[in-house]
Amino acid sequence: MKVVMRSSLDSEQASSRDEVNDPKPALLEAKQAAALLNISPRTLLRWAREGLVPAHPLSGTKRRIWRFLAAELDAWALSRVNSQSRLVPEFKEK
């Protein structure tokens, strides 16, 4: 019997191929999405209820359950960057 050991790199490549071939993007839970934005999950959920961030409500019996798409959160975060403050002043010679 032959035993084949797979390295962690092989499994990472396989999972990235699965993500590329998967037509439906993965929905993130509040804790994962908050970590992506570097904010607390409670703040993210409050923003979702107030409609400030792109979020997808799922039906819940007692509470509304929110899910987030990483691509939408990235686009939202980039749209909120104040690009004027990041410009480097030009050097002018006398």
Protein backbone atom coordinates (compact mmCIF):
# COMPACT_ATOMS: atom_id res chain seq x y z
CA MET A 1 0.00 0.00 0.00
CA LYS A 2 1.35 3.41 -0.98
CA VAL A 3 0.83 6.38 1.33
CA VAL A 4 0.90 9.84 -0.19
CA MET A 5 1.47 12.83 2.06
CA ARG A 6 0.08 16.13 0.88
CA SER A 7 1.81 19.29 1.93
CA SER A 8 -0.06 22.28 3.25
CA LEU A 9 0.87 24.12 0.06
CA ASP A 10 -1.00 21.52 -1.99
CA SER A 11 -4.12 21.96 0.12
CA GLU A 12 -3.87 25.77 -0.13
CA GLN A 13 -3.61 25.54 -3.91
CA ALA A 14 -6.58 23.16 -4.02
CA SER A 15 -8.69 25.46 -1.86
CA SER A 16 -7.80 28.50 -3.98
CA ARG A 17 -8.80 26.56 -7.11
CA ASP A 18 -12.11 25.71 -5.45
CA GLU A 19 -12.69 29.39 -4.67
CA VAL A 20 -11.97 30.40 -8.26
CA ASN A 21 -14.24 27.70 -9.72
CA ASP A 22 -17.03 28.31 -7.20
CA PRO A 23 -19.67 30.50 -8.90
CA LYS A 24 -21.12 31.63 -5.55
CA PRO A 25 -18.84 33.77 -3.36
CA ALA A 26 -18.62 32.75 0.27
CA LEU A 27 -20.65 34.68 2.79
CA LEU A 28 -18.74 35.87 5.84
CA GLU A 29 -20.09 35.90 9.37
CA ALA A 30 -19.96 39.13 11.34
CA LYS A 31 -16.85 38.10 13.27
CA GLN A 32 -14.94 37.30 10.06
CA ALA A 33 -16.09 40.45 8.28
CA ALA A 34 -15.26 42.62 11.29
CA ALA A 35 -11.74 41.18 11.37
CA LEU A 36 -11.41 42.05 7.68
CA LEU A 37 -12.35 45.67 8.42
CA ASN A 38 -10.45 45.77 11.73
CA ILE A 39 -13.52 46.80 13.74
CA SER A 40 -15.56 45.06 16.42
CA PRO A 41 -18.35 42.68 15.38
CA ARG A 42 -20.88 44.71 17.38
CA THR A 43 -20.01 47.85 15.43
CA LEU A 44 -20.31 46.00 12.15
CA LEU A 45 -23.73 44.59 13.08
CA ARG A 46 -24.93 48.03 14.14
CA TRP A 47 -23.75 49.49 10.83
CA ALA A 48 -25.52 46.65 8.99
CA ARG A 49 -28.80 47.40 10.79
CA GLU A 50 -28.41 51.09 9.97
CA GLY A 51 -27.63 50.35 6.31
CA LEU A 52 -24.14 51.85 6.43
CA VAL A 53 -22.28 48.77 5.12
CA PRO A 54 -23.23 46.31 2.39
CA ALA A 55 -24.85 43.40 4.21
CA HIS A 56 -27.24 40.58 3.46
CA PRO A 57 -29.87 39.76 6.06
CA LEU A 58 -30.90 36.15 6.44
CA SER A 59 -34.19 35.18 8.00
CA GLY A 60 -34.07 34.42 11.67
CA THR A 61 -36.76 33.47 14.15
CA LYS A 62 -35.84 35.85 16.97
CA ARG A 63 -33.00 37.85 15.51
CA ARG A 64 -31.89 38.89 12.08
CA ILE A 65 -28.75 37.09 10.95
CA TRP A 66 -26.34 39.09 8.79
CA ARG A 67 -23.82 37.84 6.26
CA PHE A 68 -21.25 39.84 4.34
CA LEU A 69 -19.38 39.46 1.05
CA ALA A 70 -15.65 40.18 1.25
CA ALA A 71 -15.58 41.79 -2.22
CA GLU A 72 -18.42 44.16 -1.30
CA LEU A 73 -16.74 45.10 1.97
CA ASP A 74 -13.43 45.76 0.18
CA ALA A 75 -15.14 48.00 -2.35
CA TRP A 76 -17.05 49.78 0.42
CA ALA A 77 -13.87 50.38 2.43
CA LEU A 78 -12.00 51.68 -0.62
CA SER A 79 -14.84 54.07 -1.43
CA ARG A 80 -14.58 55.54 2.07
CA VAL A 81 -10.85 56.33 1.84
CA ASN A 82 -10.14 60.03 1.70
CA SER A 83 -7.80 60.05 -1.26
CA GLN A 84 -6.96 63.77 -0.86
CA SER A 85 -5.23 63.17 2.47
CA ARG A 86 -3.02 60.48 0.95
CA LEU A 87 -1.55 62.66 -1.78
CA VAL A 88 2.13 63.43 -1.38
CA PRO A 89 2.92 67.12 -1.93
CA GLU A 90 5.05 67.76 -4.97
CA PHE A 91 8.57 69.04 -4.46
CA LYS A 92 9.11 72.38 -6.16
CA GLU A 93 12.58 73.65 -6.95
CA LYS A 94 13.41 77.31 -6.42
